[in-house]
Amino acid sequence: MTMTKKRRRHTPEQIIRKLDEGHRQLAAGRDLDEVCRHLEIAESTWHRWLNQYGGMKANDAKRLKELEGENARLKKLLAEAELDKAMLKEIAKGEF
């Protein structure tokens, strides 16, 4: 019987803290696989996080998340408006 580890979601703030801690450990001479084991993440996760959040501060990540949420909300509003417009065009043509 194999036990699978429950997947954990990290907040952007947690990710940035772990990246900072990892950078300190790497500067102290530890290997990346040791650092990842200590942080309890896969090496691929480390690289993904570094690409996505490298150089950010915690408040930058929070602002990014807020902007992403706002962007998603605006995209939804635009899609609804486009749907309404298409329906009005069909009604105007008498194709309903």
N, C-alpha and C. Protein backbone atom coordinates (compact mmCIF):
# COMPACT_ATOMS: atom_id res chain seq x y z
N MET A 1 0.84 -1.17 0.00
CA MET A 1 0.00 0.00 0.00
C MET A 1 0.89 1.24 0.00
N THR A 2 0.73 2.08 -1.00
CA THR A 2 1.53 3.29 -1.06
C THR A 2 0.72 4.47 -0.56
N MET A 3 1.39 5.32 0.17
CA MET A 3 0.72 6.52 0.68
C MET A 3 1.10 7.69 -0.21
N THR A 4 0.12 8.42 -0.64
CA THR A 4 0.41 9.59 -1.45
C THR A 4 0.32 10.82 -0.55
N LYS A 5 1.22 11.72 -0.80
CA LYS A 5 1.26 12.94 -0.01
C LYS A 5 0.18 13.89 -0.53
N LYS A 6 -0.55 14.50 0.39
CA LYS A 6 -1.59 15.43 0.00
C LYS A 6 -0.95 16.66 -0.62
N ARG A 7 -1.48 17.08 -1.75
CA ARG A 7 -0.95 18.25 -2.43
C ARG A 7 -1.32 19.50 -1.65
N ARG A 8 -0.37 20.36 -1.45
CA ARG A 8 -0.57 21.56 -0.66
C ARG A 8 -0.43 22.79 -1.57
N ARG A 9 -1.34 23.70 -1.42
CA ARG A 9 -1.27 24.96 -2.15
C ARG A 9 -0.58 25.99 -1.27
N HIS A 10 0.32 26.72 -1.86
CA HIS A 10 1.02 27.78 -1.14
C HIS A 10 0.50 29.13 -1.61
N THR A 11 0.40 30.06 -0.69
CA THR A 11 0.04 31.43 -1.07
C THR A 11 1.28 32.08 -1.68
N PRO A 12 1.10 33.12 -2.47
CA PRO A 12 2.28 33.82 -3.01
C PRO A 12 3.24 34.28 -1.92
N GLU A 13 2.70 34.71 -0.78
CA GLU A 13 3.57 35.16 0.32
C GLU A 13 4.40 34.00 0.85
N GLN A 14 3.78 32.82 0.99
CA GLN A 14 4.51 31.64 1.46
C GLN A 14 5.59 31.24 0.46
N ILE A 15 5.27 31.33 -0.82
CA ILE A 15 6.23 30.98 -1.86
C ILE A 15 7.44 31.89 -1.79
N ILE A 16 7.20 33.19 -1.66
CA ILE A 16 8.31 34.14 -1.61
C ILE A 16 9.16 33.92 -0.37
N ARG A 17 8.53 33.61 0.76
CA ARG A 17 9.30 33.31 1.97
C ARG A 17 10.16 32.06 1.77
N LYS A 18 9.59 31.03 1.13
CA LYS A 18 10.36 29.81 0.89
C LYS A 18 11.50 30.06 -0.09
N LEU A 19 11.25 30.88 -1.12
CA LEU A 19 12.32 31.21 -2.06
C LEU A 19 13.45 31.96 -1.34
N ASP A 20 13.10 32.91 -0.47
CA ASP A 20 14.12 33.64 0.29
C ASP A 20 14.93 32.70 1.16
N GLU A 21 14.22 31.81 1.86
CA GLU A 21 14.91 30.85 2.71
C GLU A 21 15.82 29.95 1.88
N GLY A 22 15.31 29.50 0.74
CA GLY A 22 16.11 28.65 -0.14
C GLY A 22 17.35 29.34 -0.65
N HIS A 23 17.22 30.62 -1.01
CA HIS A 23 18.38 31.38 -1.49
C HIS A 23 19.43 31.53 -0.38
N ARG A 24 18.98 31.73 0.85
CA ARG A 24 19.92 31.83 1.98
C ARG A 24 20.67 30.51 2.16
N GLN A 25 19.95 29.40 2.05
CA GLN A 25 20.59 28.09 2.22
C GLN A 25 21.55 27.80 1.08
N LEU A 26 21.17 28.19 -0.14
CA LEU A 26 22.07 27.98 -1.28
C LEU A 26 23.34 28.82 -1.11
N ALA A 27 23.18 30.05 -0.61
CA ALA A 27 24.34 30.91 -0.38
C ALA A 27 25.24 30.34 0.70
N ALA A 28 24.66 29.57 1.62
CA ALA A 28 25.44 28.95 2.69
C ALA A 28 26.13 27.67 2.21
N GLY A 29 25.93 27.31 0.95
CA GLY A 29 26.66 26.18 0.40
C GLY A 29 25.89 24.88 0.29
N ARG A 30 24.61 24.88 0.60
CA ARG A 30 23.83 23.65 0.48
C ARG A 30 23.47 23.40 -0.99
N ASP A 31 23.30 22.14 -1.34
CA ASP A 31 22.89 21.77 -2.70
C ASP A 31 21.40 22.04 -2.88
N LEU A 32 20.99 22.24 -4.13
CA LEU A 32 19.60 22.54 -4.42
C LEU A 32 18.68 21.40 -3.99
N ASP A 33 19.11 20.15 -4.20
CA ASP A 33 18.24 19.04 -3.78
C ASP A 33 18.07 19.00 -2.27
N GLU A 34 19.10 19.38 -1.50
CA GLU A 34 18.98 19.47 -0.05
C GLU A 34 18.00 20.57 0.34
N VAL A 35 18.13 21.72 -0.32
CA VAL A 35 17.26 22.85 -0.03
C VAL A 35 15.80 22.49 -0.32
N CYS A 36 15.55 21.86 -1.47
CA CYS A 36 14.19 21.47 -1.84
C CYS A 36 13.62 20.46 -0.86
N ARG A 37 14.46 19.53 -0.42
CA ARG A 37 14.00 18.55 0.57
C ARG A 37 13.63 19.26 1.88
N HIS A 38 14.45 20.22 2.29
CA HIS A 38 14.16 20.98 3.51
C HIS A 38 12.87 21.78 3.38
N LEU A 39 12.64 22.37 2.20
CA LEU A 39 11.43 23.18 1.97
C LEU A 39 10.21 22.31 1.67
N GLU A 40 10.44 21.00 1.50
CA GLU A 40 9.38 20.03 1.18
C GLU A 40 8.70 20.34 -0.15
N ILE A 41 9.52 20.62 -1.16
CA ILE A 41 9.02 20.87 -2.52
C ILE A 41 9.89 20.11 -3.51
N ALA A 42 9.35 19.89 -4.70
CA ALA A 42 10.12 19.25 -5.76
C ALA A 42 11.03 20.30 -6.41
N GLU A 43 12.12 19.82 -6.99
CA GLU A 43 13.04 20.74 -7.66
C GLU A 43 12.34 21.47 -8.81
N SER A 44 11.42 20.78 -9.49
CA SER A 44 10.67 21.43 -10.58
C SER A 44 9.80 22.57 -10.03
N THR A 45 9.27 22.38 -8.82
CA THR A 45 8.48 23.43 -8.18
C THR A 45 9.37 24.64 -7.88
N TRP A 46 10.58 24.38 -7.39
CA TRP A 46 11.52 25.45 -7.11
C TRP A 46 11.75 26.31 -8.36
N HIS A 47 12.02 25.64 -9.49
CA HIS A 47 12.29 26.37 -10.72
C HIS A 47 11.06 27.13 -11.22
N ARG A 48 9.90 26.51 -11.09
CA ARG A 48 8.65 27.18 -11.51
C ARG A 48 8.40 28.43 -10.66
N TRP A 49 8.56 28.26 -9.35
CA TRP A 49 8.37 29.40 -8.45
C TRP A 49 9.38 30.50 -8.74
N LEU A 50 10.62 30.12 -9.01
CA LEU A 50 11.66 31.09 -9.28
C LEU A 50 11.34 31.88 -10.54
N ASN A 51 10.83 31.20 -11.57
CA ASN A 51 10.43 31.90 -12.79
C ASN A 51 9.25 32.82 -12.56
N GLN A 52 8.31 32.39 -11.73
CA GLN A 52 7.09 33.15 -11.53
C GLN A 52 7.26 34.26 -10.50
N TYR A 53 7.98 34.00 -9.42
CA TYR A 53 8.04 34.94 -8.30
C TYR A 53 9.44 35.46 -8.00
N GLY A 54 10.43 35.07 -8.78
CA GLY A 54 11.80 35.50 -8.50
C GLY A 54 11.93 37.01 -8.45
N GLY A 55 12.54 37.52 -7.40
CA GLY A 55 12.76 38.96 -7.26
C GLY A 55 11.60 39.73 -6.66
N MET A 56 10.49 39.07 -6.40
CA MET A 56 9.33 39.77 -5.83
C MET A 56 9.42 39.84 -4.32
N LYS A 57 8.78 40.84 -3.79
CA LYS A 57 8.58 40.93 -2.34
C LYS A 57 7.16 40.46 -2.06
N ALA A 58 6.85 40.20 -0.79
CA ALA A 58 5.54 39.66 -0.41
C ALA A 58 4.41 40.58 -0.85
N ASN A 59 4.58 41.90 -0.70
CA ASN A 59 3.50 42.81 -1.10
C ASN A 59 3.33 42.86 -2.61
N ASP A 60 4.42 42.64 -3.37
CA ASP A 60 4.31 42.57 -4.83
C ASP A 60 3.46 41.37 -5.24
N ALA A 61 3.67 40.25 -4.58
CA ALA A 61 2.93 39.03 -4.90
C ALA A 61 1.45 39.21 -4.56
N LYS A 62 1.18 39.87 -3.44
CA LYS A 62 -0.21 40.11 -3.06
C LYS A 62 -0.89 41.00 -4.10
N ARG A 63 -0.20 42.02 -4.56
CA ARG A 63 -0.75 42.92 -5.58
C ARG A 63 -0.95 42.17 -6.90
N LEU A 64 -0.02 41.30 -7.27
CA LEU A 64 -0.15 40.50 -8.48
C LEU A 64 -1.40 39.64 -8.42
N LYS A 65 -1.62 39.00 -7.27
CA LYS A 65 -2.80 38.15 -7.11
C LYS A 65 -4.08 38.98 -7.23
N GLU A 66 -4.09 40.18 -6.64
CA GLU A 66 -5.26 41.06 -6.75
C GLU A 66 -5.51 41.44 -8.20
N LEU A 67 -4.45 41.78 -8.92
CA LEU A 67 -4.59 42.17 -10.33
C LEU A 67 -5.06 41.00 -11.18
N GLU A 68 -4.57 39.80 -10.90
CA GLU A 68 -5.02 38.63 -11.65
C GLU A 68 -6.51 38.38 -11.41
N GLY A 69 -6.97 38.57 -10.17
CA GLY A 69 -8.39 38.41 -9.86
C GLY A 69 -9.23 39.45 -10.58
N GLU A 70 -8.77 40.68 -10.58
CA GLU A 70 -9.48 41.77 -11.27
C GLU A 70 -9.53 41.50 -12.78
N ASN A 71 -8.42 41.02 -13.32
CA ASN A 71 -8.36 40.71 -14.75
C ASN A 71 -9.36 39.61 -15.10
N ALA A 72 -9.46 38.58 -14.28
CA ALA A 72 -10.41 37.49 -14.52
C ALA A 72 -11.85 38.01 -14.47
N ARG A 73 -12.12 38.89 -13.51
CA ARG A 73 -13.47 39.47 -13.38
C ARG A 73 -13.82 40.30 -14.62
N LEU A 74 -12.86 41.09 -15.09
CA LEU A 74 -13.11 41.93 -16.27
C LEU A 74 -13.29 41.08 -17.53
N LYS A 75 -12.53 40.00 -17.65
CA LYS A 75 -12.68 39.10 -18.80
C LYS A 75 -14.07 38.48 -18.81
N LYS A 76 -14.56 38.11 -17.63
CA LYS A 76 -15.90 37.53 -17.53
C LYS A 76 -16.95 38.55 -17.93
N LEU A 77 -16.81 39.79 -17.46
CA LEU A 77 -17.75 40.85 -17.83
C LEU A 77 -17.75 41.09 -19.34
N LEU A 78 -16.56 41.09 -19.94
CA LEU A 78 -16.47 41.29 -21.39
C LEU A 78 -17.14 40.15 -22.14
N ALA A 79 -16.93 38.93 -21.70
CA ALA A 79 -17.56 37.78 -22.36
C ALA A 79 -19.08 37.87 -22.26
N GLU A 80 -19.58 38.27 -21.09
CA GLU A 80 -21.04 38.41 -20.93
C GLU A 80 -21.57 39.52 -21.83
N ALA A 81 -20.85 40.62 -21.95
CA ALA A 81 -21.28 41.73 -22.80
C ALA A 81 -21.29 41.30 -24.27
N GLU A 82 -20.28 40.55 -24.69
CA GLU A 82 -20.23 40.06 -26.07
C GLU A 82 -21.38 39.10 -26.34
N LEU A 83 -21.73 38.27 -25.38
CA LEU A 83 -22.85 37.35 -25.53
C LEU A 83 -24.16 38.12 -25.66
N ASP A 84 -24.33 39.14 -24.80
CA ASP A 84 -25.53 39.98 -24.88
C ASP A 84 -25.63 40.65 -26.24
N LYS A 85 -24.51 41.14 -26.73
CA LYS A 85 -24.48 41.81 -28.03
C LYS A 85 -24.87 40.85 -29.15
N ALA A 86 -24.36 39.64 -29.11
CA ALA A 86 -24.68 38.64 -30.12
C ALA A 86 -26.17 38.29 -30.08
N MET A 87 -26.72 38.17 -28.87
CA MET A 87 -28.15 37.85 -28.75
C MET A 87 -29.00 38.99 -29.30
N LEU A 88 -28.63 40.22 -29.04
CA LEU A 88 -29.38 41.37 -29.56
C LEU A 88 -29.33 41.43 -31.08
N LYS A 89 -28.19 41.07 -31.66
CA LYS A 89 -28.08 41.04 -33.12
C LYS A 89 -29.03 39.99 -33.71
N GLU A 90 -29.11 38.82 -33.07
CA GLU A 90 -30.01 37.77 -33.56
C GLU A 90 -31.46 38.21 -33.44
N ILE A 91 -31.80 38.85 -32.34
CA ILE A 91 -33.18 39.33 -32.16
C ILE A 91 -33.51 40.38 -33.20
N ALA A 92 -32.57 41.26 -33.50
CA ALA A 92 -32.79 42.33 -34.49
C ALA A 92 -33.00 41.73 -35.88
N LYS A 93 -32.34 40.62 -36.18
CA LYS A 93 -32.53 39.98 -37.48
C LYS A 93 -33.83 39.18 -37.53
N GLY A 94 -34.38 38.88 -36.38
CA GLY A 94 -35.60 38.07 -36.32
C GLY A 94 -35.30 36.60 -36.37
N GLU A 95 -34.08 36.17 -35.98
CA GLU A 95 -33.67 34.76 -36.02
C GLU A 95 -33.76 34.12 -34.64
N PHE A 96 -34.84 34.25 -33.97
CA PHE A 96 -34.92 33.65 -32.65
C PHE A 96 -35.94 32.58 -32.57
